[in-house]
Amino acid sequence: MGAAFLVNFLRFLLIGLWLVILARLILSWIDPGGRSRFAAFIIQTSEPILAPIRRLLPKTGMFDFSPLIVLLVLSMLLRAVG
């Protein structure tokens, strides 16, 4: 019973992170400045996850591939846990 709770909690956490990164990706098209409270919350929540990946990736001009990398890694983790 304890293991099932831990697996479900981990899946819930990974899905939550996945949704936050997806929201950040969508907000980068709609409100890149983060002027609303929701946008500011999403940016503050996702930046600690995206910043290290962004530093590792080569500069690609105006395209930021760090959300794509994080979404792929989170999806692989969800498959491994599930």
Protein backbone atom coordinates (compact mmCIF):
# COMPACT_ATOMS: atom_id res chain seq x y z
CA MET A 1 0.00 0.00 0.00
CA GLY A 2 2.85 2.41 0.79
CA ALA A 3 4.58 1.69 -2.52
CA ALA A 4 1.39 2.37 -4.48
CA PHE A 5 0.98 5.71 -2.70
CA LEU A 6 4.58 6.65 -3.51
CA VAL A 7 4.18 5.72 -7.18
CA ASN A 8 0.91 7.66 -7.46
CA PHE A 9 2.44 10.68 -5.73
CA LEU A 10 5.46 10.61 -8.04
CA ARG A 11 3.20 10.35 -11.11
CA PHE A 12 1.09 13.27 -9.82
CA LEU A 13 4.24 15.35 -9.29
CA LEU A 14 5.63 14.55 -12.74
CA ILE A 15 2.30 15.34 -14.43
CA GLY A 16 2.14 18.63 -12.52
CA LEU A 17 5.64 19.56 -13.66
CA TRP A 18 4.78 18.55 -17.21
CA LEU A 19 1.73 20.84 -17.16
CA VAL A 20 3.74 23.75 -15.72
CA ILE A 21 6.38 23.43 -18.46
CA LEU A 22 3.67 23.17 -21.13
CA ALA A 23 1.98 26.28 -19.71
CA ARG A 24 5.34 28.07 -19.84
CA LEU A 25 5.76 27.06 -23.46
CA ILE A 26 2.30 28.38 -24.37
CA LEU A 27 2.82 31.57 -22.34
CA SER A 28 6.04 32.27 -24.24
CA TRP A 29 3.83 32.84 -27.30
CA ILE A 30 0.99 34.68 -25.55
CA ASP A 31 2.58 36.68 -22.73
CA PRO A 32 6.39 36.41 -22.87
CA GLY A 33 6.86 39.29 -20.44
CA GLY A 34 4.86 37.61 -17.69
CA ARG A 35 2.67 40.60 -16.96
CA SER A 36 -0.21 38.69 -15.36
CA ARG A 37 -0.02 37.03 -11.94
CA PHE A 38 -0.60 33.60 -13.49
CA ALA A 39 2.21 34.11 -16.02
CA ALA A 40 4.57 35.31 -13.30
CA PHE A 41 3.75 32.23 -11.19
CA ILE A 42 4.37 29.87 -14.12
CA ILE A 43 7.66 31.59 -14.97
CA GLN A 44 8.88 31.51 -11.36
CA THR A 45 7.90 27.85 -11.01
CA SER A 46 9.44 26.64 -14.26
CA GLU A 47 12.62 28.71 -14.39
CA PRO A 48 14.59 26.60 -11.85
CA ILE A 49 13.90 23.57 -14.06
CA LEU A 50 14.56 25.22 -17.42
CA ALA A 51 17.60 27.38 -16.58
CA PRO A 52 20.14 24.53 -16.12
CA ILE A 53 19.00 22.88 -19.36
CA ARG A 54 19.18 26.22 -21.18
CA ARG A 55 22.79 26.69 -20.03
CA LEU A 56 23.77 23.25 -21.38
CA LEU A 57 22.22 23.72 -24.83
CA PRO A 58 24.06 25.62 -27.57
CA LYS A 59 22.71 29.02 -28.56
CA THR A 60 20.08 28.65 -31.29
CA GLY A 61 19.13 32.26 -31.86
CA MET A 62 15.61 33.12 -30.83
CA PHE A 63 14.49 29.51 -30.35
CA ASP A 64 14.56 27.99 -26.86
CA PHE A 65 14.59 24.20 -26.97
CA SER A 66 14.88 23.71 -23.19
CA PRO A 67 11.10 23.21 -22.66
CA LEU A 68 11.08 20.53 -25.35
CA ILE A 69 13.97 18.70 -23.70
CA VAL A 70 12.35 18.90 -20.26
CA LEU A 71 8.98 17.70 -21.61
CA LEU A 72 10.69 14.73 -23.28
CA VAL A 73 12.58 13.81 -20.10
CA LEU A 74 9.44 14.14 -17.97
CA SER A 75 7.52 11.97 -20.44
CA MET A 76 10.21 9.28 -20.25
CA LEU A 77 10.12 9.42 -16.45
CA LEU A 78 6.34 9.08 -16.49
CA ARG A 79 6.62 5.99 -18.69
CA ALA A 80 9.25 4.52 -16.39
CA VAL A 81 7.17 5.13 -13.27
CA GLY A 82 3.81 4.16 -14.77
